[in-house]
C-alpha atoms as a PDB file:
ATOM      1  CA  MET A   1     -20.949  -4.921  -9.327  1.00  0.00           C
ATOM      2  CA  ILE A   2     -21.819  -1.257  -8.840  1.00  0.00           C
ATOM      3  CA  LEU A   3     -19.414   1.581  -9.649  1.00  0.00           C
ATOM      4  CA  LEU A   4     -19.322   3.911  -6.641  1.00  0.00           C
ATOM      5  CA  ASN A   5     -18.367   7.387  -7.866  1.00  0.00           C
ATOM      6  CA  ASN A   6     -20.424   9.699  -5.697  1.00  0.00           C
ATOM      7  CA  SER A   7     -18.268  11.629  -3.216  1.00  0.00           C
ATOM      8  CA  HIS A   8     -20.788  11.257  -0.382  1.00  0.00           C
ATOM      9  CA  LYS A   9     -21.025   7.501  -0.944  1.00  0.00           C
ATOM     10  CA  LEU A  10     -17.238   7.166  -1.103  1.00  0.00           C
ATOM     11  CA  LEU A  11     -16.902   9.000   2.206  1.00  0.00           C
ATOM     12  CA  ALA A  12     -19.574   6.764   3.731  1.00  0.00           C
ATOM     13  CA  LEU A  13     -17.704   3.694   2.436  1.00  0.00           C
ATOM     14  CA  TYR A  14     -14.448   4.987   3.910  1.00  0.00           C
ATOM     15  CA  LYS A  15     -16.022   5.344   7.347  1.00  0.00           C
ATOM     16  CA  SER A  16     -17.696   1.955   7.047  1.00  0.00           C
ATOM     17  CA  LEU A  17     -14.434   0.208   6.081  1.00  0.00           C
ATOM     18  CA  ALA A  18     -12.836   1.523   9.279  1.00  0.00           C
ATOM     19  CA  ARG A  19     -15.003  -0.911  11.221  1.00  0.00           C
ATOM     20  CA  SER A  20     -13.274  -3.832   9.480  1.00  0.00           C
ATOM     21  CA  ILE A  21      -9.663  -2.757  10.047  1.00  0.00           C
ATOM     22  CA  PRO A  22      -7.143  -4.418   9.792  1.00  0.00           C
ATOM     23  CA  GLU A  23      -8.660  -6.804   7.197  1.00  0.00           C
ATOM     24  CA  SER A  24      -9.998  -3.876   5.165  1.00  0.00           C
ATOM     25  CA  LEU A  25      -6.882  -1.712   5.462  1.00  0.00           C
ATOM     26  CA  LYS A  26      -5.600  -2.244   1.892  1.00  0.00           C
ATOM     27  CA  VAL A  27      -8.938  -1.067   0.475  1.00  0.00           C
ATOM     28  CA  TYR A  28      -9.412   1.568   3.197  1.00  0.00           C
ATOM     29  CA  GLY A  29      -6.079   3.196   2.268  1.00  0.00           C
ATOM     30  CA  SER A  30      -6.971   3.114  -1.422  1.00  0.00           C
ATOM     31  CA  VAL A  31     -10.300   4.852  -0.787  1.00  0.00           C
ATOM     32  CA  TYR A  32      -8.426   7.496   1.233  1.00  0.00           C
ATOM     33  CA  HIS A  33      -6.393   8.471  -1.843  1.00  0.00           C
ATOM     34  CA  ILE A  34      -9.457   8.282  -4.098  1.00  0.00           C
ATOM     35  CA  ASN A  35     -11.183  10.742  -1.767  1.00  0.00           C
ATOM     36  CA  HIS A  36      -8.136  13.032  -1.854  1.00  0.00           C
ATOM     37  CA  GLY A  37      -7.638  13.805  -5.520  1.00  0.00           C
ATOM     38  CA  ASN A  38      -7.428  10.220  -6.831  1.00  0.00           C
ATOM     39  CA  PRO A  39      -3.946  10.745  -8.319  1.00  0.00           C
ATOM     40  CA  PHE A  40      -3.734   7.142  -9.594  1.00  0.00           C
ATOM     41  CA  ASN A  41      -7.146   7.237 -11.294  1.00  0.00           C
ATOM     42  CA  MET A  42      -8.659   4.332  -9.373  1.00  0.00           C
ATOM     43  CA  GLU A  43     -12.323   3.360  -9.115  1.00  0.00           C
ATOM     44  CA  VAL A  44     -14.418   1.577  -6.498  1.00  0.00           C
ATOM     45  CA  LEU A  45     -16.790  -1.319  -7.141  1.00  0.00           C
ATOM     46  CA  VAL A  46     -19.184  -2.813  -4.582  1.00  0.00           C
ATOM     47  CA  ASP A  47     -21.537  -5.769  -4.948  1.00  0.00           C
ATOM     48  CA  SER A  48     -24.458  -3.736  -3.530  1.00  0.00           C
ATOM     49  CA  TRP A  49     -25.153  -0.419  -1.809  1.00  0.00           C
ATOM     50  CA  PRO A  50     -25.507   0.824   0.893  1.00  0.00           C
ATOM     51  CA  GLU A  51     -25.178  -2.675   2.337  1.00  0.00           C
ATOM     52  CA  TYR A  52     -22.222  -4.413   0.730  1.00  0.00           C
ATOM     53  CA  GLN A  53     -20.242  -7.613   1.103  1.00  0.00           C
ATOM     54  CA  MET A  54     -17.364  -7.033  -1.309  1.00  0.00           C
ATOM     55  CA  VAL A  55     -15.281  -4.015  -2.335  1.00  0.00           C
ATOM     56  CA  ILE A  56     -12.852  -4.052  -5.251  1.00  0.00           C
ATOM     57  CA  ILE A  57     -10.513  -1.185  -6.120  1.00  0.00           C
ATOM     58  CA  ARG A  58      -9.153  -1.187  -9.650  1.00  0.00           C
ATOM     59  CA  PRO A  59      -7.512   1.282 -12.052  1.00  0.00           C
ATOM     60  CA  GLN A  60      -9.787   3.116 -14.447  1.00  0.00           C
ATOM     61  CA  LYS A  61      -9.765   1.706 -17.969  1.00  0.00           C
ATOM     62  CA  GLN A  62      -7.425   4.359 -19.377  1.00  0.00           C
ATOM     63  CA  GLU A  63      -4.774   3.313 -16.845  1.00  0.00           C
ATOM     64  CA  MET A  64      -4.632  -0.335 -17.967  1.00  0.00           C
ATOM     65  CA  THR A  65      -3.232   0.039 -21.470  1.00  0.00           C
ATOM     66  CA  ASP A  66      -0.125  -2.131 -20.988  1.00  0.00           C
ATOM     67  CA  ASP A  67      -0.981  -5.823 -20.596  1.00  0.00           C
ATOM     68  CA  MET A  68       2.426  -6.518 -19.023  1.00  0.00           C
ATOM     69  CA  ASP A  69       2.426  -3.699 -16.444  1.00  0.00           C
ATOM     70  CA  SER A  70       1.685  -5.408 -13.125  1.00  0.00           C
ATOM     71  CA  TYR A  71       2.673  -2.231 -11.246  1.00  0.00           C
ATOM     72  CA  ARG A  72      -0.346  -0.517 -12.783  1.00  0.00           C
ATOM     73  CA  ASN A  73      -2.732  -3.471 -13.274  1.00  0.00           C
ATOM     74  CA  VAL A  74      -3.446  -3.888  -9.552  1.00  0.00           C
ATOM     75  CA  TYR A  75      -6.753  -4.868  -7.913  1.00  0.00           C
ATOM     76  CA  ARG A  76      -7.276  -4.467  -4.169  1.00  0.00           C
ATOM     77  CA  MET A  77     -10.011  -6.461  -2.488  1.00  0.00           C
ATOM     78  CA  PHE A  78     -11.930  -6.755   0.756  1.00  0.00           C
ATOM     79  CA  SER A  79     -14.903  -8.998   1.458  1.00  0.00           C
ATOM     80  CA  LYS A  80     -17.106  -9.519   4.495  1.00  0.00           C
ATOM     81  CA  GLU A  81     -17.600 -13.062   3.174  1.00  0.00           C
ATOM     82  CA  PRO A  82     -14.307 -13.875   1.435  1.00  0.00           C
ATOM     83  CA  GLN A  83     -15.243 -17.529   0.991  1.00  0.00           C
ATOM     84  CA  LYS A  84     -17.888 -16.374  -1.507  1.00  0.00           C
ATOM     85  CA  SER A  85     -15.505 -14.269  -3.580  1.00  0.00           C
ATOM     86  CA  GLU A  86     -15.283 -16.839  -6.371  1.00  0.00           C
ATOM     87  CA  GLU A  87     -18.900 -16.157  -7.346  1.00  0.00           C
ATOM     88  CA  VAL A  88     -18.049 -12.521  -8.065  1.00  0.00           C
ATOM     89  CA  LEU A  89     -14.686 -13.205  -9.696  1.00  0.00           C
ATOM     90  CA  LYS A  90     -15.935 -15.985 -11.991  1.00  0.00           C
ATOM     91  CA  ASN A  91     -19.223 -14.515 -13.094  1.00  0.00           C
ATOM     92  CA  CYS A  92     -18.368 -10.929 -13.947  1.00  0.00           C
ATOM     93  CA  GLU A  93     -15.909  -8.939 -16.035  1.00  0.00           C
ATOM     94  CA  ILE A  94     -14.510  -6.993 -13.096  1.00  0.00           C
ATOM     95  CA  ILE A  95     -10.972  -8.249 -13.715  1.00  0.00           C
ATOM     96  CA  ASN A  96      -9.206  -8.224 -17.074  1.00  0.00           C
ATOM     97  CA  TRP A  97      -7.759 -11.734 -16.985  1.00  0.00           C
ATOM     98  CA  LYS A  98      -5.990 -11.137 -20.313  1.00  0.00           C
ATOM     99  CA  GLN A  99      -3.404  -8.972 -18.558  1.00  0.00           C
ATOM    100  CA  ARG A 100      -0.560  -9.666 -16.187  1.00  0.00           C
ATOM    101  CA  LEU A 101      -1.950  -8.335 -12.920  1.00  0.00           C
ATOM    102  CA  GLN A 102      -1.820  -8.361  -9.140  1.00  0.00           C
ATOM    103  CA  ILE A 103      -4.618  -8.856  -6.630  1.00  0.00           C
ATOM    104  CA  GLN A 104      -3.858  -7.598  -3.117  1.00  0.00           C
ATOM    105  CA  GLY A 105      -5.690  -7.980   0.154  1.00  0.00           C
ATOM    106  CA  PHE A 106      -5.363  -8.903   3.804  1.00  0.00           C
ATOM    107  CA  GLN A 107      -7.621 -11.972   3.802  1.00  0.00           C
ATOM    108  CA  GLU A 108      -5.978 -15.280   2.977  1.00  0.00           C
ATOM    109  CA  SER A 109      -9.408 -16.817   2.414  1.00  0.00           C
ATOM    110  CA  LEU A 110      -9.782 -14.690  -0.728  1.00  0.00           C
ATOM    111  CA  GLY A 111      -7.218 -17.020  -2.250  1.00  0.00           C
ATOM    112  CA  GLU A 112      -9.560 -19.926  -2.875  1.00  0.00           C
ATOM    113  CA  GLY A 113     -11.934 -17.792  -4.922  1.00  0.00           C
ATOM    114  CA  ILE A 114      -9.005 -16.331  -6.846  1.00  0.00           C
ATOM    115  CA  ARG A 115      -7.598 -19.802  -7.580  1.00  0.00           C
ATOM    116  CA  VAL A 116     -10.986 -21.075  -8.798  1.00  0.00           C
ATOM    117  CA  ALA A 117     -11.471 -18.003 -10.994  1.00  0.00           C
ATOM    118  CA  THR A 118      -7.971 -18.148 -12.481  1.00  0.00           C
ATOM    119  CA  PHE A 119      -8.317 -21.882 -13.213  1.00  0.00           C
ATOM    120  CA  SER A 120     -11.558 -21.255 -15.094  1.00  0.00           C
ATOM    121  CA  LYS A 121      -9.816 -18.519 -17.121  1.00  0.00           C
ATOM    122  CA  SER A 122      -6.651 -20.610 -17.796  1.00  0.00           C
ATOM    123  CA  VAL A 123      -4.585 -18.100 -15.846  1.00  0.00           C
ATOM    124  CA  LYS A 124      -1.488 -18.992 -13.802  1.00  0.00           C
ATOM    125  CA  VAL A 125      -1.404 -17.549 -10.273  1.00  0.00           C
ATOM    126  CA  GLU A 126       1.436 -17.136  -7.772  1.00  0.00           C
ATOM    127  CA  HIS A 127       0.681 -16.343  -4.135  1.00  0.00           C
ATOM    128  CA  SER A 128       3.037 -14.376  -1.891  1.00  0.00           C
ATOM    129  CA  ARG A 129       2.545 -13.378   1.719  1.00  0.00           C
ATOM    130  CA  ALA A 130       4.158 -11.174   4.352  1.00  0.00           C
ATOM    131  CA  LEU A 131       3.489  -9.878   7.823  1.00  0.00           C
ATOM    132  CA  LEU A 132       1.180  -6.887   8.029  1.00  0.00           C
ATOM    133  CA  LEU A 133       2.523  -4.349  10.529  1.00  0.00           C
ATOM    134  CA  VAL A 134       0.351  -1.601  11.980  1.00  0.00           C
ATOM    135  CA  THR A 135       0.399   0.921  14.811  1.00  0.00           C
ATOM    136  CA  GLU A 136      -2.036   1.197  17.696  1.00  0.00           C
ATOM    137  CA  ASP A 137      -3.668   4.363  16.378  1.00  0.00           C
ATOM    138  CA  ILE A 138      -4.572   2.604  13.106  1.00  0.00           C
ATOM    139  CA  LEU A 139      -6.379  -0.116  15.035  1.00  0.00           C
ATOM    140  CA  LYS A 140      -8.183   2.528  17.077  1.00  0.00           C
ATOM    141  CA  LEU A 141      -9.867   3.695  13.873  1.00  0.00           C
ATOM    142  CA  ASN A 142     -11.853   0.462  14.086  1.00  0.00           C
ATOM    143  CA  ALA A 143     -13.054   1.135  17.600  1.00  0.00           C
ATOM    144  CA  SER A 144     -13.766   4.843  17.247  1.00  0.00           C
ATOM    145  CA  ASN A 145     -14.929   4.900  13.609  1.00  0.00           C
ATOM    146  CA  LYS A 146     -13.686   8.498  13.493  1.00  0.00           C
ATOM    147  CA  SER A 147     -11.414   7.891  10.483  1.00  0.00           C
ATOM    148  CA  LYS A 148      -8.932  10.214  12.150  1.00  0.00           C
ATOM    149  CA  LEU A 149      -5.520   9.325  13.531  1.00  0.00           C
ATOM    150  CA  GLY A 150      -4.388  10.334  16.983  1.00  0.00           C
ATOM    151  CA  SER A 151      -1.997  13.233  17.348  1.00  0.00           C
ATOM    152  CA  TRP A 152       1.724  12.601  17.698  1.00  0.00           C
ATOM    153  CA  ALA A 153       1.577  13.496  21.382  1.00  0.00           C
ATOM    154  CA  GLU A 154      -1.064  10.818  22.010  1.00  0.00           C
ATOM    155  CA  THR A 155       0.933   7.943  20.561  1.00  0.00           C
ATOM    156  CA  GLY A 156       3.841   7.768  22.977  1.00  0.00           C
ATOM    157  CA  HIS A 157       6.317   6.858  20.235  1.00  0.00           C
ATOM    158  CA  PRO A 158       9.959   8.082  19.936  1.00  0.00           C
ATOM    159  CA  ASP A 159      10.172  11.855  19.708  1.00  0.00           C
ATOM    160  CA  ASP A 160      12.875  14.520  19.868  1.00  0.00           C
ATOM    161  CA  GLU A 161      15.676  11.975  20.085  1.00  0.00           C
ATOM    162  CA  PHE A 162      15.117  11.114  16.421  1.00  0.00           C
ATOM    163  CA  GLU A 163      13.894  14.491  15.229  1.00  0.00           C
ATOM    164  CA  SER A 164      17.053  16.495  15.812  1.00  0.00           C
ATOM    165  CA  GLU A 165      19.131  17.281  12.726  1.00  0.00           C
ATOM    166  CA  THR A 166      22.704  16.032  12.521  1.00  0.00           C
ATOM    167  CA  PRO A 167      25.479  18.028  10.841  1.00  0.00           C
ATOM    168  CA  ASN A 168      25.581  17.654   7.049  1.00  0.00           C
ATOM    169  CA  PHE A 169      22.256  15.748   6.958  1.00  0.00           C
ATOM    170  CA  LYS A 170      18.879  17.295   6.190  1.00  0.00           C
ATOM    171  CA  TYR A 171      15.373  15.837   6.260  1.00  0.00           C
ATOM    172  CA  ALA A 172      13.458  16.702   3.066  1.00  0.00           C
ATOM    173  CA  GLN A 173      10.651  15.762   0.773  1.00  0.00           C
ATOM    174  CA  LEU A 174      11.922  13.195  -1.730  1.00  0.00           C
ATOM    175  CA  ASP A 175      12.203  14.851  -5.137  1.00  0.00           C
ATOM    176  CA  VAL A 176      11.001  13.040  -8.256  1.00  0.00           C
ATOM    177  CA  SER A 177      14.417  13.620  -9.858  1.00  0.00           C
ATOM    178  CA  TYR A 178      15.718  10.809  -7.633  1.00  0.00           C
ATOM    179  CA  SER A 179      13.244   8.235  -8.996  1.00  0.00           C
ATOM    180  CA  GLY A 180      16.092   6.439 -10.756  1.00  0.00           C
ATOM    181  CA  LEU A 181      18.016   6.113  -7.497  1.00  0.00           C
ATOM    182  CA  VAL A 182      14.968   4.596  -5.779  1.00  0.00           C
ATOM    183  CA  ASN A 183      14.312   2.282  -8.730  1.00  0.00           C
ATOM    184  CA  ASP A 184      17.889   1.008  -8.791  1.00  0.00           C
ATOM    185  CA  ASN A 185      17.681   0.024  -5.130  1.00  0.00           C
ATOM    186  CA  TRP A 186      14.147  -1.451  -5.007  1.00  0.00           C
ATOM    187  CA  LYS A 187      14.001  -5.254  -5.078  1.00  0.00           C
ATOM    188  CA  ARG A 188      10.850  -5.169  -7.204  1.00  0.00           C
ATOM    189  CA  GLY A 189      12.233  -2.435  -9.437  1.00  0.00           C
ATOM    190  CA  LYS A 190      15.160  -2.005 -11.791  1.00  0.00           C
ATOM    191  CA  ASN A 191      13.059  -1.778 -14.979  1.00  0.00           C
ATOM    192  CA  GLU A 192      11.278   0.902 -17.018  1.00  0.00           C
ATOM    193  CA  ARG A 193       7.776   0.066 -15.806  1.00  0.00           C
ATOM    194  CA  SER A 194       8.835   0.235 -12.159  1.00  0.00           C
ATOM    195  CA  LEU A 195      10.596   3.550 -12.825  1.00  0.00           C
ATOM    196  CA  HIS A 196       7.387   5.052 -14.204  1.00  0.00           C
ATOM    197  CA  TYR A 197       5.455   3.733 -11.191  1.00  0.00           C
ATOM    198  CA  ILE A 198       7.985   5.149  -8.721  1.00  0.00           C
ATOM    199  CA  LYS A 199       7.886   8.557 -10.419  1.00  0.00           C
ATOM    200  CA  ARG A 200       4.129   8.685  -9.921  1.00  0.00           C
ATOM    201  CA  CYS A 201       4.393   7.619  -6.278  1.00  0.00           C
ATOM    202  CA  ILE A 202       6.963  10.318  -5.514  1.00  0.00           C
ATOM    203  CA  GLU A 203       5.118  13.018  -7.468  1.00  0.00           C
ATOM    204  CA  ASP A 204       1.634  12.338  -6.126  1.00  0.00           C
ATOM    205  CA  LEU A 205       2.015  10.689  -2.700  1.00  0.00           C
ATOM    206  CA  PRO A 206       3.980  11.479   0.492  1.00  0.00           C
ATOM    207  CA  ALA A 207       7.676  10.576   0.155  1.00  0.00           C
ATOM    208  CA  ALA A 208      10.568  11.646   2.374  1.00  0.00           C
ATOM    209  CA  CYS A 209      14.331  11.347   2.556  1.00  0.00           C
ATOM    210  CA  MET A 210      17.486  12.336   4.392  1.00  0.00           C
ATOM    211  CA  LEU A 211      19.885  14.327   2.236  1.00  0.00           C
ATOM    212  CA  GLY A 212      23.538  13.530   2.878  1.00  0.00           C
ATOM    213  CA  PRO A 213      26.665  15.722   2.764  1.00  0.00           C
ATOM    214  CA  GLU A 214      26.627  15.677  -1.057  1.00  0.00           C
ATOM    215  CA  GLY A 215      23.010  16.881  -1.142  1.00  0.00           C
ATOM    216  CA  VAL A 216      21.793  13.507  -2.429  1.00  0.00           C
ATOM    217  CA  PRO A 217      19.320  11.214  -0.587  1.00  0.00           C
ATOM    218  CA  VAL A 218      21.030   8.615   1.592  1.00  0.00           C
ATOM    219  CA  SER A 219      17.815   7.223   3.157  1.00  0.00           C
ATOM    220  CA  TRP A 220      14.262   7.395   1.852  1.00  0.00           C
ATOM    221  CA  VAL A 221      10.715   6.081   2.167  1.00  0.00           C
ATOM    222  CA  THR A 222       7.645   6.287  -0.067  1.00  0.00           C
ATOM    223  CA  MET A 223       3.937   5.397  -0.072  1.00  0.00           C
ATOM    224  CA  ASP A 224       1.844   3.425  -2.570  1.00  0.00           C
ATOM    225  CA  PRO A 225      -1.730   4.127  -3.811  1.00  0.00           C
ATOM    226  CA  SER A 226      -3.178   2.039  -0.949  1.00  0.00           C
ATOM    227  CA  CYS A 227      -1.309   3.975   1.788  1.00  0.00           C
ATOM    228  CA  GLU A 228       1.267   1.208   2.268  1.00  0.00           C
ATOM    229  CA  VAL A 229       4.645   2.614   3.289  1.00  0.00           C
ATOM    230  CA  GLY A 230       7.488   1.006   1.371  1.00  0.00           C
ATOM    231  CA  MET A 231      10.618   1.159  -0.803  1.00  0.00           C
ATOM    232  CA  ALA A 232      12.501   2.192   2.353  1.00  0.00           C
ATOM    233  CA  TYR A 233      16.240   2.090   1.786  1.00  0.00           C
ATOM    234  CA  SER A 234      19.539   3.459   3.092  1.00  0.00           C
ATOM    235  CA  VAL A 235      22.677   3.509   0.981  1.00  0.00           C
ATOM    236  CA  GLU A 236      25.310   1.208   2.417  1.00  0.00           C
ATOM    237  CA  LYS A 237      27.805   3.947   3.281  1.00  0.00           C
ATOM    238  CA  TYR A 238      25.340   5.609   5.671  1.00  0.00           C
ATOM    239  CA  ARG A 239      23.667   2.617   7.283  1.00  0.00           C
ATOM    240  CA  ARG A 240      23.509   2.273  11.073  1.00  0.00           C
ATOM    241  CA  THR A 241      23.884   6.018  11.462  1.00  0.00           C
ATOM    242  CA  GLY A 242      20.296   6.700  12.577  1.00  0.00           C
ATOM    243  CA  ASN A 243      19.290   8.436   9.346  1.00  0.00           C
ATOM    244  CA  MET A 244      16.498   6.024   8.466  1.00  0.00           C
ATOM    245  CA  ALA A 245      15.133   6.239  12.018  1.00  0.00           C
ATOM    246  CA  ARG A 246      15.025  10.023  11.749  1.00  0.00           C
ATOM    247  CA  VAL A 247      13.284   9.810   8.392  1.00  0.00           C
ATOM    248  CA  MET A 248      10.682   7.349   9.690  1.00  0.00           C
ATOM    249  CA  VAL A 249       9.820   9.358  12.796  1.00  0.00           C
ATOM    250  CA  ARG A 250       9.350  12.632  10.945  1.00  0.00           C
ATOM    251  CA  TYR A 251       7.547  10.950   8.061  1.00  0.00           C
ATOM    252  CA  MET A 252       5.101   9.239  10.431  1.00  0.00           C
ATOM    253  CA  LYS A 253       4.584  12.503  12.261  1.00  0.00           C
ATOM    254  CA  TYR A 254       3.647  14.186   8.988  1.00  0.00           C
ATOM    255  CA  LEU A 255       1.213  11.394   8.056  1.00  0.00           C
ATOM    256  CA  ARG A 256      -0.487  11.634  11.445  1.00  0.00           C
ATOM    257  CA  GLN A 257      -0.778  15.395  11.233  1.00  0.00           C
ATOM    258  CA  LYS A 258      -2.477  15.043   7.840  1.00  0.00           C
ATOM    259  CA  ASN A 259      -4.661  12.118   9.040  1.00  0.00           C
ATOM    260  CA  ILE A 260      -3.240   9.864   6.333  1.00  0.00           C
ATOM    261  CA  PRO A 261      -3.559   6.172   7.277  1.00  0.00           C
ATOM    262  CA  PHE A 262      -0.430   4.046   6.896  1.00  0.00           C
ATOM    263  CA  TYR A 263       0.913   0.544   7.455  1.00  0.00           C
ATOM    264  CA  LEU A 264       3.697  -1.626   6.088  1.00  0.00           C
ATOM    265  CA  SER A 265       4.557  -5.217   5.268  1.00  0.00           C
ATOM    266  CA  VAL A 266       7.687  -7.205   6.077  1.00  0.00           C
ATOM    267  CA  LEU A 267       8.693 -10.738   5.144  1.00  0.00           C
ATOM    268  CA  GLU A 268       8.441 -12.993   8.185  1.00  0.00           C
ATOM    269  CA  GLU A 269      12.099 -14.027   7.909  1.00  0.00           C
ATOM    270  CA  ASN A 270      13.306 -10.395   7.845  1.00  0.00           C
ATOM    271  CA  GLU A 271      13.865 -10.110  11.584  1.00  0.00           C
ATOM    272  CA  ASP A 272      16.123  -7.056  11.298  1.00  0.00           C
ATOM    273  CA  SER A 273      13.392  -4.997   9.624  1.00  0.00           C
ATOM    274  CA  ARG A 274      10.813  -6.212  12.121  1.00  0.00           C
ATOM    275  CA  ARG A 275      12.994  -5.090  15.015  1.00  0.00           C
ATOM    276  CA  PHE A 276      13.748  -1.779  13.338  1.00  0.00           C
ATOM    277  CA  VAL A 277      10.125  -0.750  12.734  1.00  0.00           C
ATOM    278  CA  GLY A 278       9.120  -2.087  16.137  1.00  0.00           C
ATOM    279  CA  GLN A 279      10.827   0.894  17.779  1.00  0.00           C
ATOM    280  CA  PHE A 280       8.310   3.171  16.024  1.00  0.00           C
ATOM    281  CA  GLY A 281       5.300   1.343  17.413  1.00  0.00           C
ATOM    282  CA  PHE A 282       4.655  -1.130  14.589  1.00  0.00           C
ATOM    283  CA  PHE A 283       3.491  -4.627  15.516  1.00  0.00           C
ATOM    284  CA  GLU A 284       1.971  -7.646  13.756  1.00  0.00           C
ATOM    285  CA  ALA A 285      -1.688  -7.311  12.853  1.00  0.00           C
ATOM    286  CA  SER A 286      -4.170 -10.147  13.320  1.00  0.00           C
ATOM    287  CA  CYS A 287      -4.142 -10.800   9.564  1.00  0.00           C
ATOM    288  CA  GLU A 288      -1.408 -11.018   6.943  1.00  0.00           C
ATOM    289  CA  TRP A 289      -0.483  -9.213   3.725  1.00  0.00           C
ATOM    290  CA  HIS A 290      -1.343 -11.250   0.612  1.00  0.00           C
ATOM    291  CA  GLN A 291      -0.698 -10.814  -3.074  1.00  0.00           C
ATOM    292  CA  TRP A 292      -1.746 -12.987  -5.997  1.00  0.00           C
ATOM    293  CA  THR A 293       0.199 -12.357  -9.212  1.00  0.00           C
ATOM    294  CA  CYS A 294      -1.729 -13.620 -12.230  1.00  0.00           C
ATOM    295  CA  TYR A 295      -0.411 -14.421 -15.702  1.00  0.00           C
ATOM    296  CA  PRO A 296      -2.488 -15.358 -18.755  1.00  0.00           C
ATOM    297  CA  GLN A 297      -1.024 -18.346 -20.617  1.00  0.00           C
ATOM    298  CA  ASN A 298       0.474 -16.140 -23.338  1.00  0.00           C
ATOM    299  CA  LEU A 299       2.147 -13.843 -20.753  1.00  0.00           C
ATOM    300  CA  VAL A 300       3.536 -16.442 -18.328  1.00  0.00           C
ATOM    301  CA  PRO A 301       7.193 -15.549 -17.546  1.00  0.00           C
ATOM    302  CA  PHE A 302       9.853 -18.102 -18.381  1.00  0.00           C
END
């Protein structure tokens, strides 16, 4: 695999990946952040250049110092020939199989190569899946190859109805001082490693909230290093008041204005969330969200 660290090549890769959206969207979003300051210190590997078949995004070596930190030890993959992924995964040292880690991508067929590779390394793997939800303007990046989102006016999504402020509530950037609040209410959180990860997301990536009467966030949303929108939550006291809808509309407007790609994932059985985000123009993509969590034998959880 070839380390791609030239800014011109990374921009060319970003534009090329647009042609494979939505399957490439996890990697496409990661390359966006790499091209804009690389706050999570990620690196890009390709099997060849300028023609490539596989792209792997991984943290730089100095980021992967904790063998148990699966929030940090994350690999994001896209392949034009996913059925051949096992050749790359088995025969090279791209992945540190001695760590607890996650592999993410939007191609289920990557799974066979991952399973073969993990078996050969005596690594346990757990597969999880969810629906990948996108908006029409994200899919248009594929057709236009402009790598630029449409303006808010072009999308035809909800507008002023959700943008107006309500008394005692204020839309704001989510401050890192509320990382603990987000961590305590995130299903995948509630531990020290997740708290550190959330702090970085809030400090370095777009995050928004609605401040309530006490001046504390009552609804919020964040973004991860691959441009996936997540951790969305409203405190129980203020649910069904329209606060989360107002946050989402203004947050999406900001992302579009800055040409930041975005998408989200929802469990198939979570019909309430699917209906909620549907009002903002999200719909099911032609592929799904996949994650493979890998544990070496000595780090397998009880």
